[in-house]
């Protein structure tokens, strides 16, 4: 695990029971939760609107409010 990956995971928190993750990072990693139900890890960059959706699992990452 790289330092950037560790920081990304530490800064993520579930906003609700849906697949929305609030983050303080502009670049995030998604692996679909890992294990047999996961998918290959991908790195995603939040857009200018502060959002990005994983193309594999449709998990949404949203920038934390400042």
N, C-alpha and C. Protein backbone atom coordinates (compact mmCIF):
# COMPACT_ATOMS: atom_id res chain seq x y z
N UNK A 1 0.85 -1.17 0.00
CA UNK A 1 0.00 0.00 0.00
C UNK A 1 0.90 1.23 0.00
N UNK A 2 0.64 2.14 -0.92
CA UNK A 2 1.44 3.35 -1.01
C UNK A 2 0.94 4.36 0.02
N UNK A 3 1.77 5.35 0.39
CA UNK A 3 1.31 6.37 1.33
C UNK A 3 0.09 7.12 0.81
N UNK A 4 0.03 7.39 -0.50
CA UNK A 4 -1.11 8.09 -1.07
C UNK A 4 -2.38 7.25 -0.94
N UNK A 5 -2.25 5.95 -1.19
CA UNK A 5 -3.40 5.06 -1.08
C UNK A 5 -3.89 5.00 0.36
N UNK A 6 -2.96 4.93 1.32
CA UNK A 6 -3.34 4.89 2.72
C UNK A 6 -4.06 6.16 3.12
N UNK A 7 -3.58 7.32 2.67
CA UNK A 7 -4.22 8.59 2.98
C UNK A 7 -5.60 8.67 2.36
N UNK A 8 -5.74 8.17 1.15
CA UNK A 8 -7.02 8.20 0.48
C UNK A 8 -8.06 7.39 1.24
N UNK A 9 -7.69 6.20 1.65
CA UNK A 9 -8.62 5.35 2.37
C UNK A 9 -8.96 5.93 3.73
N UNK A 10 -8.00 6.56 4.39
CA UNK A 10 -8.25 7.14 5.71
C UNK A 10 -9.19 8.33 5.62
N UNK A 11 -9.17 9.06 4.50
CA UNK A 11 -9.99 10.25 4.35
C UNK A 11 -11.39 9.96 3.82
N UNK A 12 -11.67 8.72 3.46
CA UNK A 12 -12.98 8.38 2.92
C UNK A 12 -13.90 7.95 4.05
N UNK A 13 -15.16 8.37 3.94
CA UNK A 13 -16.16 7.90 4.89
C UNK A 13 -17.49 7.74 4.16
N UNK A 14 -18.28 6.78 4.57
CA UNK A 14 -19.56 6.54 3.91
C UNK A 14 -20.54 7.63 4.30
N UNK A 15 -21.16 8.26 3.30
CA UNK A 15 -22.11 9.33 3.55
C UNK A 15 -23.46 8.77 3.97
N UNK A 16 -23.79 7.59 3.49
CA UNK A 16 -25.06 6.95 3.83
C UNK A 16 -24.92 5.48 3.48
N UNK A 17 -26.02 4.75 3.54
CA UNK A 17 -25.96 3.32 3.25
C UNK A 17 -25.81 3.06 1.75
N UNK A 18 -25.98 4.10 0.91
CA UNK A 18 -25.79 3.92 -0.53
C UNK A 18 -24.30 3.95 -0.87
N UNK A 19 -23.97 3.83 -2.14
CA UNK A 19 -22.58 3.80 -2.58
C UNK A 19 -22.06 5.20 -2.85
N UNK A 20 -22.09 6.07 -1.85
CA UNK A 20 -21.53 7.42 -1.96
C UNK A 20 -20.44 7.54 -0.91
N UNK A 21 -19.24 7.93 -1.35
CA UNK A 21 -18.11 8.09 -0.43
C UNK A 21 -17.64 9.52 -0.50
N UNK A 22 -17.58 10.18 0.66
CA UNK A 22 -17.11 11.55 0.76
C UNK A 22 -15.60 11.51 1.00
N UNK A 23 -14.85 12.33 0.27
CA UNK A 23 -13.40 12.31 0.37
C UNK A 23 -12.81 13.72 0.35
N UNK A 24 -11.63 13.86 0.95
CA UNK A 24 -10.88 15.12 0.91
C UNK A 24 -9.82 15.09 -0.19
N UNK A 25 -9.74 13.99 -0.91
CA UNK A 25 -8.74 13.81 -1.95
C UNK A 25 -9.32 14.13 -3.32
N UNK A 26 -8.45 14.54 -4.26
CA UNK A 26 -8.92 14.78 -5.63
C UNK A 26 -8.74 13.53 -6.49
N UNK A 27 -7.98 12.56 -5.98
CA UNK A 27 -7.76 11.29 -6.69
C UNK A 27 -8.04 10.16 -5.70
N UNK A 28 -8.89 9.23 -6.10
CA UNK A 28 -9.31 8.15 -5.21
C UNK A 28 -9.14 6.79 -5.89
N UNK A 29 -9.04 5.76 -5.07
CA UNK A 29 -8.94 4.38 -5.58
C UNK A 29 -10.23 3.65 -5.24
N UNK A 30 -10.67 2.80 -6.17
CA UNK A 30 -11.86 1.98 -5.93
C UNK A 30 -11.56 0.55 -6.37
N UNK A 31 -11.92 -0.41 -5.52
CA UNK A 31 -11.77 -1.82 -5.87
C UNK A 31 -13.07 -2.58 -5.66
N UNK A 32 -14.16 -1.86 -5.52
CA UNK A 32 -15.46 -2.48 -5.37
C UNK A 32 -15.66 -3.18 -4.05
N UNK A 33 -14.82 -2.92 -3.09
CA UNK A 33 -14.96 -3.54 -1.78
C UNK A 33 -14.04 -4.73 -1.60
N UNK A 34 -13.32 -5.10 -2.63
CA UNK A 34 -12.37 -6.20 -2.53
C UNK A 34 -13.05 -7.55 -2.44
N UNK A 35 -12.26 -8.56 -2.21
CA UNK A 35 -12.80 -9.91 -2.11
C UNK A 35 -13.39 -10.39 -3.41
N UNK A 36 -14.15 -11.47 -3.37
CA UNK A 36 -14.71 -12.06 -4.59
C UNK A 36 -15.76 -11.18 -5.27
N UNK A 37 -16.32 -10.21 -4.56
CA UNK A 37 -17.33 -9.34 -5.16
C UNK A 37 -16.74 -8.04 -5.67
N UNK A 38 -15.45 -7.86 -5.54
CA UNK A 38 -14.79 -6.63 -5.97
C UNK A 38 -14.49 -6.62 -7.45
N UNK A 39 -13.67 -5.66 -7.84
CA UNK A 39 -13.22 -5.53 -9.23
C UNK A 39 -11.78 -5.06 -9.21
N UNK A 40 -11.12 -5.03 -10.36
CA UNK A 40 -9.73 -4.55 -10.38
C UNK A 40 -9.66 -3.12 -9.84
N UNK A 41 -8.62 -2.81 -9.08
CA UNK A 41 -8.49 -1.46 -8.53
C UNK A 41 -8.27 -0.46 -9.66
N UNK A 42 -9.02 0.63 -9.59
CA UNK A 42 -8.87 1.72 -10.54
C UNK A 42 -8.67 3.02 -9.76
N UNK A 43 -7.91 3.93 -10.36
CA UNK A 43 -7.72 5.25 -9.78
C UNK A 43 -8.59 6.23 -10.55
N UNK A 44 -9.35 7.04 -9.83
CA UNK A 44 -10.28 7.98 -10.43
C UNK A 44 -9.96 9.39 -9.95
N UNK A 45 -10.14 10.39 -10.81
CA UNK A 45 -9.90 11.78 -10.45
C UNK A 45 -11.23 12.51 -10.44
N UNK A 46 -11.51 13.21 -9.33
CA UNK A 46 -12.74 13.97 -9.23
C UNK A 46 -12.75 15.07 -10.28
N UNK A 47 -13.91 15.29 -10.87
CA UNK A 47 -14.06 16.31 -11.90
C UNK A 47 -14.19 17.70 -11.29
N UNK A 48 -14.38 18.69 -12.13
CA UNK A 48 -14.51 20.07 -11.67
C UNK A 48 -15.76 20.26 -10.81
N UNK A 49 -16.72 19.36 -10.95
CA UNK A 49 -17.93 19.42 -10.12
C UNK A 49 -17.73 18.72 -8.78
N UNK A 50 -16.53 18.16 -8.54
CA UNK A 50 -16.24 17.52 -7.26
C UNK A 50 -16.80 16.12 -7.14
N UNK A 51 -17.07 15.46 -8.27
CA UNK A 51 -17.66 14.13 -8.25
C UNK A 51 -17.00 13.23 -9.28
N UNK A 52 -17.05 11.93 -9.02
CA UNK A 52 -16.64 10.92 -10.00
C UNK A 52 -17.36 9.63 -9.65
N UNK A 53 -17.70 8.85 -10.66
CA UNK A 53 -18.38 7.57 -10.48
C UNK A 53 -17.52 6.45 -11.03
N UNK A 54 -17.37 5.38 -10.27
CA UNK A 54 -16.59 4.24 -10.70
C UNK A 54 -17.28 3.56 -11.88
N UNK A 55 -16.55 3.31 -12.97
CA UNK A 55 -17.17 2.67 -14.13
C UNK A 55 -17.49 1.20 -13.91
N UNK A 56 -16.88 0.57 -12.91
CA UNK A 56 -17.14 -0.84 -12.63
C UNK A 56 -18.37 -1.04 -11.74
N UNK A 57 -18.38 -0.35 -10.59
CA UNK A 57 -19.42 -0.65 -9.59
C UNK A 57 -20.39 0.51 -9.34
N UNK A 58 -20.21 1.61 -10.04
CA UNK A 58 -21.06 2.78 -9.93
C UNK A 58 -21.02 3.46 -8.56
N UNK A 59 -20.00 3.19 -7.77
CA UNK A 59 -19.80 3.86 -6.51
C UNK A 59 -19.47 5.32 -6.81
N UNK A 60 -20.13 6.26 -6.13
CA UNK A 60 -19.89 7.68 -6.36
C UNK A 60 -18.96 8.24 -5.30
N UNK A 61 -17.98 9.01 -5.73
CA UNK A 61 -17.06 9.70 -4.83
C UNK A 61 -17.36 11.18 -4.95
N UNK A 62 -17.52 11.85 -3.79
CA UNK A 62 -17.89 13.25 -3.76
C UNK A 62 -16.93 14.00 -2.85
N UNK A 63 -16.52 15.21 -3.28
CA UNK A 63 -15.62 16.02 -2.48
C UNK A 63 -16.32 16.48 -1.22
N UNK A 64 -15.60 16.46 -0.10
CA UNK A 64 -16.13 16.92 1.18
C UNK A 64 -16.36 18.42 1.12
N UNK A 65 -17.36 18.91 1.83
CA UNK A 65 -17.62 20.34 1.89
C UNK A 65 -16.48 21.03 2.62
N UNK A 66 -16.11 22.18 2.14
CA UNK A 66 -14.98 22.91 2.75
C UNK A 66 -15.40 23.70 3.94
